[in-house]
Amino acid sequence: MALEPKRIGLIVGREWSFPPAFIEAVNKRNEGVVAELVTLGAPRMDDASRYAVIIDRISHEVPFYRTYLKHAALQGVTVVNNPFMWSSDDKFFGATLATALGLASPRTIVLPNKEYVPGIVHSESLRNLAFPLDWDGVVEYIGLPCILKDAHGGGWKEVYVCQTKEELLHHYDHSGLLTMIVQEFIKWDEFIRCICLGQDVIRPIKYDPKARKYHPELDFLPPVLHDRVVADSLTLVRALGYDMNSIEWAVRDGIPYAIDFMNPAPDMDIYSLTPVHFEWVVKAMADMAIKMAKHPTPVNKPGWQLFLKGRTVAPRVPS
């Protein structure tokens, strides 16, 4: 009697090139693992999942999916990325984490919201906030120019380069309900975006943030800088527990600064990645997902500490 294949589910949004390429890459391997798009109706609390692994590409924009994925994790599904960790992540936490890990990171400040939901009475509900805010102290610590961005955002949305304090205040005054951070502007000599998979595979890619463009050339970094970027990227993704992420590094005077690394649904489109990087990421994602389906990481009884820690990878024993 044939064994039921292990199943890999894919939850996606408006991307069109990666999903079919990934599904084909998994299914043509004939390794007893099949990949398909997940179909969800109205899941019940005691429903068992048919999947060994679910790849999440869109729950940051569709809260229903994030709610389901936390349920799936409780059922023992390996979810990429861990929905509990992702729900708790933000860019201020990331800056604090990088600093705690001893990595170079831009100076960062988190700001109180400009506006609040109805029902918040400023004079009563916000008594713990200092007012007025010391904007001169903010600028003195961060310096000018600076970056104002959404602490929970991605995809270059709500990101502003501010040349003056007046520009900073203008964009902050129009930030609405968003929680914003102010970050030191790193005038970079080289900009790198690393695709990070499985907490052990790092691919540095030359990236132009002004044109939002990946470059196809490989081996563009000096060996010492390449090795440091890879090592620092591994440190970050292992601390976060992310199995699918991208990390942006701005290199100034030979030092890579971790600019942004809360990207657990990184760009995997052929038209932006370029064919050479797209072919690599499809194969690498298929390799990772098949390995997870066939050799799942043992999970103890569920607990918040376990989920917030993320999937842990045992340290490698030197050969």
C-alpha atoms as a PDB file:
ATOM      1  CA  MET A   1       0.000   0.000   0.000  1.00  0.00           C
ATOM      2  CA  ALA A   2       1.485   3.346  -1.086  1.00  0.00           C
ATOM      3  CA  LEU A   3       2.244   5.843   1.637  1.00  0.00           C
ATOM      4  CA  GLU A   4       0.363   9.144   1.635  1.00  0.00           C
ATOM      5  CA  PRO A   5       2.783  11.854   0.451  1.00  0.00           C
ATOM      6  CA  LYS A   6       3.891  14.610   2.771  1.00  0.00           C
ATOM      7  CA  ARG A   7       2.210  17.871   1.809  1.00  0.00           C
ATOM      8  CA  ILE A   8       3.635  21.368   1.526  1.00  0.00           C
ATOM      9  CA  GLY A   9       1.044  24.132   1.413  1.00  0.00           C
ATOM     10  CA  LEU A  10       1.613  27.589  -0.021  1.00  0.00           C
ATOM     11  CA  ILE A  11      -0.352  30.681   1.049  1.00  0.00           C
ATOM     12  CA  VAL A  12       0.186  33.514  -1.412  1.00  0.00           C
ATOM     13  CA  GLY A  13      -1.054  36.923  -2.469  1.00  0.00           C
ATOM     14  CA  ARG A  14      -0.583  38.785  -5.738  1.00  0.00           C
ATOM     15  CA  GLU A  15       2.704  37.186  -6.784  1.00  0.00           C
ATOM     16  CA  TRP A  16       2.486  35.126  -9.950  1.00  0.00           C
ATOM     17  CA  SER A  17       5.966  33.899 -10.912  1.00  0.00           C
ATOM     18  CA  PHE A  18       7.163  32.236  -7.694  1.00  0.00           C
ATOM     19  CA  PRO A  19       4.151  30.064  -6.655  1.00  0.00           C
ATOM     20  CA  PRO A  20       3.860  27.897  -9.800  1.00  0.00           C
ATOM     21  CA  ALA A  21       7.639  27.628 -10.149  1.00  0.00           C
ATOM     22  CA  PHE A  22       7.996  26.516  -6.519  1.00  0.00           C
ATOM     23  CA  ILE A  23       5.145  23.987  -6.760  1.00  0.00           C
ATOM     24  CA  GLU A  24       6.622  22.519  -9.947  1.00  0.00           C
ATOM     25  CA  ALA A  25      10.122  22.391  -8.433  1.00  0.00           C
ATOM     26  CA  VAL A  26       8.843  20.364  -5.444  1.00  0.00           C
ATOM     27  CA  ASN A  27       6.518  18.041  -7.345  1.00  0.00           C
ATOM     28  CA  LYS A  28       8.989  17.025 -10.044  1.00  0.00           C
ATOM     29  CA  ARG A  29      11.454  15.703  -7.440  1.00  0.00           C
ATOM     30  CA  ASN A  30       9.430  12.513  -6.777  1.00  0.00           C
ATOM     31  CA  GLU A  31      10.566  12.471  -3.142  1.00  0.00           C
ATOM     32  CA  GLY A  32       7.219  11.525  -1.612  1.00  0.00           C
ATOM     33  CA  VAL A  33       6.424  15.205  -1.051  1.00  0.00           C
ATOM     34  CA  VAL A  34       3.834  17.252  -2.934  1.00  0.00           C
ATOM     35  CA  ALA A  35       3.255  21.011  -2.946  1.00  0.00           C
ATOM     36  CA  GLU A  36      -0.003  22.843  -3.585  1.00  0.00           C
ATOM     37  CA  LEU A  37      -1.853  26.040  -2.794  1.00  0.00           C
ATOM     38  CA  VAL A  38      -3.680  25.928   0.545  1.00  0.00           C
ATOM     39  CA  THR A  39      -7.468  26.302   0.347  1.00  0.00           C
ATOM     40  CA  LEU A  40      -9.233  27.553   3.483  1.00  0.00           C
ATOM     41  CA  GLY A  41     -12.925  27.853   4.236  1.00  0.00           C
ATOM     42  CA  ALA A  42     -13.946  28.287   7.862  1.00  0.00           C
ATOM     43  CA  PRO A  43     -11.447  26.224   9.924  1.00  0.00           C
ATOM     44  CA  ARG A  44     -12.692  24.645  13.143  1.00  0.00           C
ATOM     45  CA  MET A  45     -10.681  24.755  16.341  1.00  0.00           C
ATOM     46  CA  ASP A  46     -10.176  20.967  16.398  1.00  0.00           C
ATOM     47  CA  ASP A  47      -9.367  20.592  12.683  1.00  0.00           C
ATOM     48  CA  ALA A  48      -6.187  18.670  11.962  1.00  0.00           C
ATOM     49  CA  SER A  49      -4.004  20.084   9.200  1.00  0.00           C
ATOM     50  CA  ARG A  50      -3.194  17.972   6.140  1.00  0.00           C
ATOM     51  CA  TYR A  51       0.140  19.752   5.741  1.00  0.00           C
ATOM     52  CA  ALA A  52       3.582  18.982   7.106  1.00  0.00           C
ATOM     53  CA  VAL A  53       4.834  22.428   6.056  1.00  0.00           C
ATOM     54  CA  ILE A  54       3.077  25.672   5.140  1.00  0.00           C
ATOM     55  CA  ILE A  55       4.955  28.486   3.403  1.00  0.00           C
ATOM     56  CA  ASP A  56       3.385  31.836   4.315  1.00  0.00           C
ATOM     57  CA  ARG A  57       3.821  34.658   1.807  1.00  0.00           C
ATOM     58  CA  ILE A  58       0.907  36.982   2.645  1.00  0.00           C
ATOM     59  CA  SER A  59      -0.411  36.773   6.227  1.00  0.00           C
ATOM     60  CA  HIS A  60       1.134  40.157   7.043  1.00  0.00           C
ATOM     61  CA  GLU A  61      -1.621  41.639   4.862  1.00  0.00           C
ATOM     62  CA  VAL A  62      -4.447  39.161   5.562  1.00  0.00           C
ATOM     63  CA  PRO A  63      -5.066  38.749   9.326  1.00  0.00           C
ATOM     64  CA  PHE A  64      -7.313  35.699   8.784  1.00  0.00           C
ATOM     65  CA  TYR A  65      -4.327  33.775   7.430  1.00  0.00           C
ATOM     66  CA  ARG A  66      -2.152  34.709  10.426  1.00  0.00           C
ATOM     67  CA  THR A  67      -4.914  33.525  12.768  1.00  0.00           C
ATOM     68  CA  TYR A  68      -5.127  30.200  10.932  1.00  0.00           C
ATOM     69  CA  LEU A  69      -1.359  29.749  10.829  1.00  0.00           C
ATOM     70  CA  LYS A  70      -1.070  30.018  14.611  1.00  0.00           C
ATOM     71  CA  HIS A  71      -3.690  27.264  14.808  1.00  0.00           C
ATOM     72  CA  ALA A  72      -1.696  25.183  12.296  1.00  0.00           C
ATOM     73  CA  ALA A  73       1.483  25.623  14.349  1.00  0.00           C
ATOM     74  CA  LEU A  74      -0.387  24.258  17.373  1.00  0.00           C
ATOM     75  CA  GLN A  75      -1.282  21.208  15.261  1.00  0.00           C
ATOM     76  CA  GLY A  76       2.421  20.524  14.672  1.00  0.00           C
ATOM     77  CA  VAL A  77       2.736  22.066  11.205  1.00  0.00           C
ATOM     78  CA  THR A  78       6.088  23.663  10.414  1.00  0.00           C
ATOM     79  CA  VAL A  79       5.061  27.178   9.393  1.00  0.00           C
ATOM     80  CA  VAL A  80       7.535  29.313   7.461  1.00  0.00           C
ATOM     81  CA  ASN A  81       7.742  31.783   9.070  1.00  0.00           C
ATOM     82  CA  ASN A  82       6.768  31.184  12.676  1.00  0.00           C
ATOM     83  CA  PRO A  83       3.529  33.219  13.013  1.00  0.00           C
ATOM     84  CA  PHE A  84       4.026  33.826  16.731  1.00  0.00           C
ATOM     85  CA  MET A  85       7.438  35.415  16.256  1.00  0.00           C
ATOM     86  CA  TRP A  86       6.346  37.399  13.224  1.00  0.00           C
ATOM     87  CA  SER A  87       3.367  38.827  15.107  1.00  0.00           C
ATOM     88  CA  SER A  88       5.693  40.155  17.812  1.00  0.00           C
ATOM     89  CA  ASP A  89       8.371  41.591  15.520  1.00  0.00           C
ATOM     90  CA  ASP A  90       8.897  45.271  14.695  1.00  0.00           C
ATOM     91  CA  LYS A  91      11.743  47.440  13.481  1.00  0.00           C
ATOM     92  CA  PHE A  92      12.535  48.974  16.868  1.00  0.00           C
ATOM     93  CA  PHE A  93      12.785  45.504  18.391  1.00  0.00           C
ATOM     94  CA  GLY A  94      15.026  44.588  15.467  1.00  0.00           C
ATOM     95  CA  ALA A  95      17.385  47.503  16.093  1.00  0.00           C
ATOM     96  CA  THR A  96      17.563  46.601  19.782  1.00  0.00           C
ATOM     97  CA  LEU A  97      18.185  42.944  18.919  1.00  0.00           C
ATOM     98  CA  ALA A  98      20.991  43.742  16.456  1.00  0.00           C
ATOM     99  CA  THR A  99      22.696  45.937  19.031  1.00  0.00           C
ATOM    100  CA  ALA A 100      22.330  43.257  21.724  1.00  0.00           C
ATOM    101  CA  LEU A 101      23.938  40.747  19.346  1.00  0.00           C
ATOM    102  CA  GLY A 102      26.913  43.032  18.824  1.00  0.00           C
ATOM    103  CA  LEU A 103      26.084  43.876  15.199  1.00  0.00           C
ATOM    104  CA  ALA A 104      26.389  47.307  13.606  1.00  0.00           C
ATOM    105  CA  SER A 105      22.987  49.001  13.390  1.00  0.00           C
ATOM    106  CA  PRO A 106      21.859  52.600  12.774  1.00  0.00           C
ATOM    107  CA  ARG A 107      20.905  54.636  15.834  1.00  0.00           C
ATOM    108  CA  THR A 108      17.137  54.248  16.226  1.00  0.00           C
ATOM    109  CA  ILE A 109      14.338  55.910  18.226  1.00  0.00           C
ATOM    110  CA  VAL A 110      10.693  54.826  18.436  1.00  0.00           C
ATOM    111  CA  LEU A 111       8.093  57.611  18.509  1.00  0.00           C
ATOM    112  CA  PRO A 112       4.675  57.758  20.168  1.00  0.00           C
ATOM    113  CA  ASN A 113       1.837  57.602  17.653  1.00  0.00           C
ATOM    114  CA  LYS A 114       0.660  60.889  16.179  1.00  0.00           C
ATOM    115  CA  GLU A 115      -2.988  59.778  16.271  1.00  0.00           C
ATOM    116  CA  TYR A 116      -5.005  57.151  18.153  1.00  0.00           C
ATOM    117  CA  VAL A 117      -8.191  55.141  17.704  1.00  0.00           C
ATOM    118  CA  PRO A 118     -11.517  56.671  18.811  1.00  0.00           C
ATOM    119  CA  GLY A 119     -12.028  56.343  22.541  1.00  0.00           C
ATOM    120  CA  ILE A 120      -8.499  57.431  23.438  1.00  0.00           C
ATOM    121  CA  VAL A 121      -8.784  60.650  25.452  1.00  0.00           C
ATOM    122  CA  HIS A 122      -5.364  62.293  25.237  1.00  0.00           C
ATOM    123  CA  SER A 123      -5.489  63.916  28.665  1.00  0.00           C
ATOM    124  CA  GLU A 124      -6.582  60.659  30.339  1.00  0.00           C
ATOM    125  CA  SER A 125      -5.428  57.692  28.244  1.00  0.00           C
ATOM    126  CA  LEU A 126      -1.918  58.962  27.493  1.00  0.00           C
ATOM    127  CA  ARG A 127      -0.763  60.071  30.941  1.00  0.00           C
ATOM    128  CA  ASN A 128       2.424  57.991  30.621  1.00  0.00           C
ATOM    129  CA  LEU A 129       3.623  59.967  27.599  1.00  0.00           C
ATOM    130  CA  ALA A 130       5.949  62.954  27.913  1.00  0.00           C
ATOM    131  CA  PHE A 131       4.586  66.025  26.145  1.00  0.00           C
ATOM    132  CA  PRO A 132       5.743  67.961  24.269  1.00  0.00           C
ATOM    133  CA  LEU A 133       8.207  65.544  22.690  1.00  0.00           C
ATOM    134  CA  ASP A 134      11.866  66.598  22.783  1.00  0.00           C
ATOM    135  CA  TRP A 135      12.402  66.831  19.021  1.00  0.00           C
ATOM    136  CA  ASP A 136      15.733  68.604  19.424  1.00  0.00           C
ATOM    137  CA  GLY A 137      16.935  65.633  21.492  1.00  0.00           C
ATOM    138  CA  VAL A 138      15.681  63.222  18.823  1.00  0.00           C
ATOM    139  CA  VAL A 139      17.598  65.034  16.081  1.00  0.00           C
ATOM    140  CA  GLU A 140      20.718  65.386  18.235  1.00  0.00           C
ATOM    141  CA  TYR A 141      20.802  61.609  18.868  1.00  0.00           C
ATOM    142  CA  ILE A 142      19.928  60.474  15.325  1.00  0.00           C
ATOM    143  CA  GLY A 143      21.541  63.218  13.245  1.00  0.00           C
ATOM    144  CA  LEU A 144      20.465  64.635   9.882  1.00  0.00           C
ATOM    145  CA  PRO A 145      19.538  63.484   7.334  1.00  0.00           C
ATOM    146  CA  CYS A 146      17.484  60.750   8.970  1.00  0.00           C
ATOM    147  CA  ILE A 147      14.962  58.076   8.013  1.00  0.00           C
ATOM    148  CA  LEU A 148      11.369  58.031   9.270  1.00  0.00           C
ATOM    149  CA  LYS A 149       9.589  54.721   8.724  1.00  0.00           C
ATOM    150  CA  ASP A 150       6.700  52.579   9.919  1.00  0.00           C
ATOM    151  CA  ALA A 151       7.903  50.289  12.720  1.00  0.00           C
ATOM    152  CA  HIS A 152       5.697  47.484  11.386  1.00  0.00           C
ATOM    153  CA  GLY A 153       5.921  48.239   7.681  1.00  0.00           C
ATOM    154  CA  GLY A 154       7.672  46.737   4.689  1.00  0.00           C
ATOM    155  CA  GLY A 155       7.996  47.063   0.939  1.00  0.00           C
ATOM    156  CA  TRP A 156       9.336  50.639   1.221  1.00  0.00           C
ATOM    157  CA  LYS A 157       5.895  51.886   2.321  1.00  0.00           C
ATOM    158  CA  GLU A 158       5.791  54.944   4.601  1.00  0.00           C
ATOM    159  CA  VAL A 159       9.571  55.487   4.412  1.00  0.00           C
ATOM    160  CA  TYR A 160      10.838  59.072   4.272  1.00  0.00           C
ATOM    161  CA  VAL A 161      14.330  60.549   4.023  1.00  0.00           C
ATOM    162  CA  CYS A 162      14.215  63.755   6.074  1.00  0.00           C
ATOM    163  CA  GLN A 163      16.872  66.404   5.491  1.00  0.00           C
ATOM    164  CA  THR A 164      15.705  68.771   8.230  1.00  0.00           C
ATOM    165  CA  LYS A 165      13.824  68.703  11.520  1.00  0.00           C
ATOM    166  CA  GLU A 166      10.934  70.450   9.764  1.00  0.00           C
ATOM    167  CA  GLU A 167      10.693  67.636   7.185  1.00  0.00           C
ATOM    168  CA  LEU A 168      10.784  65.066   9.987  1.00  0.00           C
ATOM    169  CA  LEU A 169       7.933  66.824  11.816  1.00  0.00           C
ATOM    170  CA  HIS A 170       5.903  67.183   8.605  1.00  0.00           C
ATOM    171  CA  HIS A 171       6.007  63.465   7.792  1.00  0.00           C
ATOM    172  CA  TYR A 172       5.450  62.508  11.420  1.00  0.00           C
ATOM    173  CA  ASP A 173       2.395  64.799  11.571  1.00  0.00           C
ATOM    174  CA  HIS A 174       0.928  62.849   8.621  1.00  0.00           C
ATOM    175  CA  SER A 175       1.694  59.357   9.976  1.00  0.00           C
ATOM    176  CA  GLY A 176      -1.781  58.850  11.438  1.00  0.00           C
ATOM    177  CA  LEU A 177      -2.206  55.675  13.478  1.00  0.00           C
ATOM    178  CA  LEU A 178       1.192  54.230  12.540  1.00  0.00           C
ATOM    179  CA  THR A 179       3.948  53.723  15.090  1.00  0.00           C
ATOM    180  CA  MET A 180       7.033  55.298  13.531  1.00  0.00           C
ATOM    181  CA  ILE A 181      10.747  54.980  14.144  1.00  0.00           C
ATOM    182  CA  VAL A 182      13.472  57.503  13.344  1.00  0.00           C
ATOM    183  CA  GLN A 183      16.735  56.013  12.180  1.00  0.00           C
ATOM    184  CA  GLU A 184      20.218  57.285  11.444  1.00  0.00           C
ATOM    185  CA  PHE A 185      20.816  57.678   7.718  1.00  0.00           C
ATOM    186  CA  ILE A 186      23.778  55.547   6.650  1.00  0.00           C
ATOM    187  CA  LYS A 187      25.487  57.092   3.626  1.00  0.00           C
ATOM    188  CA  TRP A 188      26.525  53.813   2.069  1.00  0.00           C
ATOM    189  CA  ASP A 189      29.316  52.795  -0.274  1.00  0.00           C
ATOM    190  CA  GLU A 190      27.710  49.416  -1.049  1.00  0.00           C
ATOM    191  CA  PHE A 191      24.168  48.169  -0.500  1.00  0.00           C
ATOM    192  CA  ILE A 192      23.406  44.464  -0.127  1.00  0.00           C
ATOM    193  CA  ARG A 193      20.187  42.535   0.200  1.00  0.00           C
ATOM    194  CA  CYS A 194      20.632  38.973   1.465  1.00  0.00           C
ATOM    195  CA  ILE A 195      18.052  36.267   0.902  1.00  0.00           C
ATOM    196  CA  CYS A 196      18.161  34.010   3.955  1.00  0.00           C
ATOM    197  CA  LEU A 197      16.641  30.519   3.939  1.00  0.00           C
ATOM    198  CA  GLY A 198      16.454  27.766   6.539  1.00  0.00           C
ATOM    199  CA  GLN A 199      18.719  29.617   8.992  1.00  0.00           C
ATOM    200  CA  ASP A 200      21.765  28.242   7.186  1.00  0.00           C
ATOM    201  CA  VAL A 201      21.682  29.509   3.566  1.00  0.00           C
ATOM    202  CA  ILE A 202      22.544  33.138   2.790  1.00  0.00           C
ATOM    203  CA  ARG A 203      22.734  34.660  -0.704  1.00  0.00           C
ATOM    204  CA  PRO A 204      24.110  38.224  -0.802  1.00  0.00           C
ATOM    205  CA  ILE A 205      22.769  40.215  -3.769  1.00  0.00           C
ATOM    206  CA  LYS A 206      23.911  43.607  -5.007  1.00  0.00           C
ATOM    207  CA  TYR A 207      20.914  45.917  -4.638  1.00  0.00           C
ATOM    208  CA  ASP A 208      20.158  49.526  -5.571  1.00  0.00           C
ATOM    209  CA  PRO A 209      17.590  50.895  -3.085  1.00  0.00           C
ATOM    210  CA  LYS A 210      17.112  54.101  -5.086  1.00  0.00           C
ATOM    211  CA  ALA A 211      16.078  52.241  -8.235  1.00  0.00           C
ATOM    212  CA  ARG A 212      14.671  49.292  -6.214  1.00  0.00           C
ATOM    213  CA  LYS A 213      16.733  47.031  -8.449  1.00  0.00           C
ATOM    214  CA  TYR A 214      18.619  43.756  -7.980  1.00  0.00           C
ATOM    215  CA  HIS A 215      21.817  43.220  -9.947  1.00  0.00           C
ATOM    216  CA  PRO A 216      22.539  39.778 -11.412  1.00  0.00           C
ATOM    217  CA  GLU A 217      26.309  39.723 -10.901  1.00  0.00           C
ATOM    218  CA  LEU A 218      27.745  37.376  -8.298  1.00  0.00           C
ATOM    219  CA  ASP A 219      31.013  37.619  -6.326  1.00  0.00           C
ATOM    220  CA  PHE A 220      30.736  41.409  -6.129  1.00  0.00           C
ATOM    221  CA  LEU A 221      32.019  41.644  -2.542  1.00  0.00           C
ATOM    222  CA  PRO A 222      35.590  41.332  -1.261  1.00  0.00           C
ATOM    223  CA  PRO A 223      35.964  37.981   0.574  1.00  0.00           C
ATOM    224  CA  VAL A 224      36.328  39.512   4.046  1.00  0.00           C
ATOM    225  CA  LEU A 225      33.209  41.667   3.673  1.00  0.00           C
ATOM    226  CA  HIS A 226      31.269  38.788   2.093  1.00  0.00           C
ATOM    227  CA  ASP A 227      32.096  36.499   4.991  1.00  0.00           C
ATOM    228  CA  ARG A 228      31.107  39.119   7.581  1.00  0.00           C
ATOM    229  CA  VAL A 229      27.769  39.846   5.878  1.00  0.00           C
ATOM    230  CA  VAL A 230      26.969  36.122   5.717  1.00  0.00           C
ATOM    231  CA  ALA A 231      28.006  35.528   9.345  1.00  0.00           C
ATOM    232  CA  ASP A 232      26.044  38.539  10.639  1.00  0.00           C
ATOM    233  CA  SER A 233      22.986  37.509   8.591  1.00  0.00           C
ATOM    234  CA  LEU A 234      23.108  34.023  10.098  1.00  0.00           C
ATOM    235  CA  THR A 235      23.333  35.547  13.575  1.00  0.00           C
ATOM    236  CA  LEU A 236      20.183  37.598  12.957  1.00  0.00           C
ATOM    237  CA  VAL A 237      17.966  34.942  11.362  1.00  0.00           C
ATOM    238  CA  ARG A 238      18.915  32.380  14.001  1.00  0.00           C
ATOM    239  CA  ALA A 239      18.088  34.841  16.763  1.00  0.00           C
ATOM    240  CA  LEU A 240      14.746  35.627  15.119  1.00  0.00           C
ATOM    241  CA  GLY A 241      13.972  32.024  14.219  1.00  0.00           C
ATOM    242  CA  TYR A 242      13.096  32.996  10.635  1.00  0.00           C
ATOM    243  CA  ASP A 243      13.470  30.388   7.892  1.00  0.00           C
ATOM    244  CA  MET A 244      12.619  32.822   5.084  1.00  0.00           C
ATOM    245  CA  ASN A 245      13.792  36.405   5.275  1.00  0.00           C
ATOM    246  CA  SER A 246      15.782  39.117   3.581  1.00  0.00           C
ATOM    247  CA  ILE A 247      18.274  41.386   5.307  1.00  0.00           C
ATOM    248  CA  GLU A 248      19.480  44.727   3.992  1.00  0.00           C
ATOM    249  CA  TRP A 249      23.020  45.848   4.735  1.00  0.00           C
ATOM    250  CA  ALA A 250      24.368  49.344   4.092  1.00  0.00           C
ATOM    251  CA  VAL A 251      28.155  49.263   3.991  1.00  0.00           C
ATOM    252  CA  ARG A 252      29.923  52.412   5.235  1.00  0.00           C
ATOM    253  CA  ASP A 253      33.710  52.524   5.558  1.00  0.00           C
ATOM    254  CA  GLY A 254      33.845  48.734   5.206  1.00  0.00           C
ATOM    255  CA  ILE A 255      31.329  48.110   8.021  1.00  0.00           C
ATOM    256  CA  PRO A 256      27.956  46.490   7.177  1.00  0.00           C
ATOM    257  CA  TYR A 257      25.044  48.101   9.070  1.00  0.00           C
ATOM    258  CA  ALA A 258      21.860  46.069   9.478  1.00  0.00           C
ATOM    259  CA  ILE A 259      19.307  48.454   7.964  1.00  0.00           C
ATOM    260  CA  ASP A 260      16.214  46.285   7.686  1.00  0.00           C
ATOM    261  CA  PHE A 261      15.639  42.643   8.480  1.00  0.00           C
ATOM    262  CA  MET A 262      11.941  42.290   9.232  1.00  0.00           C
ATOM    263  CA  ASN A 263      11.179  40.894   5.780  1.00  0.00           C
ATOM    264  CA  PRO A 264       9.752  37.410   6.429  1.00  0.00           C
ATOM    265  CA  ALA A 265       8.000  37.397   3.029  1.00  0.00           C
ATOM    266  CA  PRO A 266      10.890  38.609   0.865  1.00  0.00           C
ATOM    267  CA  ASP A 267      10.511  39.532  -2.778  1.00  0.00           C
ATOM    268  CA  MET A 268      10.730  36.386  -4.917  1.00  0.00           C
ATOM    269  CA  ASP A 269       9.446  37.713  -8.236  1.00  0.00           C
ATOM    270  CA  ILE A 270      11.392  36.858 -11.367  1.00  0.00           C
ATOM    271  CA  TYR A 271      11.053  40.364 -12.800  1.00  0.00           C
ATOM    272  CA  SER A 272      12.642  42.062  -9.800  1.00  0.00           C
ATOM    273  CA  LEU A 273      15.055  39.330  -8.660  1.00  0.00           C
ATOM    274  CA  THR A 274      16.322  38.745 -12.223  1.00  0.00           C
ATOM    275  CA  PRO A 275      16.298  35.190 -13.662  1.00  0.00           C
ATOM    276  CA  VAL A 276      19.626  34.135 -12.134  1.00  0.00           C
ATOM    277  CA  HIS A 277      18.526  34.887  -8.561  1.00  0.00           C
ATOM    278  CA  PHE A 278      14.961  33.683  -9.200  1.00  0.00           C
ATOM    279  CA  GLU A 279      16.125  30.250 -10.363  1.00  0.00           C
ATOM    280  CA  TRP A 280      18.334  29.990  -7.290  1.00  0.00           C
ATOM    281  CA  VAL A 281      15.585  30.961  -4.841  1.00  0.00           C
ATOM    282  CA  VAL A 282      13.046  28.537  -6.334  1.00  0.00           C
ATOM    283  CA  LYS A 283      15.479  25.626  -6.020  1.00  0.00           C
ATOM    284  CA  ALA A 284      16.662  26.652  -2.548  1.00  0.00           C
ATOM    285  CA  MET A 285      13.082  27.078  -1.277  1.00  0.00           C
ATOM    286  CA  ALA A 286      12.130  23.667  -2.673  1.00  0.00           C
ATOM    287  CA  ASP A 287      15.187  22.080  -1.031  1.00  0.00           C
ATOM    288  CA  MET A 288      14.316  23.657   2.319  1.00  0.00           C
ATOM    289  CA  ALA A 289      10.609  22.797   2.245  1.00  0.00           C
ATOM    290  CA  ILE A 290      11.176  19.164   1.233  1.00  0.00           C
ATOM    291  CA  LYS A 291      13.755  18.738   3.987  1.00  0.00           C
ATOM    292  CA  MET A 292      11.334  20.189   6.548  1.00  0.00           C
ATOM    293  CA  ALA A 293       8.498  17.941   5.364  1.00  0.00           C
ATOM    294  CA  LYS A 294      10.595  14.766   5.461  1.00  0.00           C
ATOM    295  CA  HIS A 295      12.580  15.564   8.601  1.00  0.00           C
ATOM    296  CA  PRO A 296      10.468  17.797  10.859  1.00  0.00           C
ATOM    297  CA  THR A 297      12.093  19.447  13.846  1.00  0.00           C
ATOM    298  CA  PRO A 298      10.797  17.805  17.049  1.00  0.00           C
ATOM    299  CA  VAL A 299       8.375  20.087  18.880  1.00  0.00           C
ATOM    300  CA  ASN A 300       7.728  19.874  22.601  1.00  0.00           C
ATOM    301  CA  LYS A 301       4.368  20.638  24.187  1.00  0.00           C
ATOM    302  CA  PRO A 302       3.257  24.099  22.997  1.00  0.00           C
ATOM    303  CA  GLY A 303       4.096  27.093  25.107  1.00  0.00           C
ATOM    304  CA  TRP A 304       4.501  30.808  24.433  1.00  0.00           C
ATOM    305  CA  GLN A 305       8.217  30.706  25.137  1.00  0.00           C
ATOM    306  CA  LEU A 306       8.664  28.006  22.497  1.00  0.00           C
ATOM    307  CA  PHE A 307       6.690  29.899  19.865  1.00  0.00           C
ATOM    308  CA  LEU A 308       8.381  33.231  20.488  1.00  0.00           C
ATOM    309  CA  LYS A 309      11.773  31.582  20.300  1.00  0.00           C
ATOM    310  CA  GLY A 310      11.035  30.320  16.814  1.00  0.00           C
ATOM    311  CA  ARG A 311      12.248  27.135  15.198  1.00  0.00           C
ATOM    312  CA  THR A 312      15.630  26.332  16.707  1.00  0.00           C
ATOM    313  CA  VAL A 313      18.391  24.730  14.707  1.00  0.00           C
ATOM    314  CA  ALA A 314      20.882  22.557  16.548  1.00  0.00           C
ATOM    315  CA  PRO A 315      24.433  23.923  16.278  1.00  0.00           C
ATOM    316  CA  ARG A 316      26.600  22.156  13.745  1.00  0.00           C
ATOM    317  CA  VAL A 317      29.329  19.883  14.996  1.00  0.00           C
ATOM    318  CA  PRO A 318      32.638  20.720  13.274  1.00  0.00           C
ATOM    319  CA  SER A 319      33.730  17.934  10.972  1.00  0.00           C
END
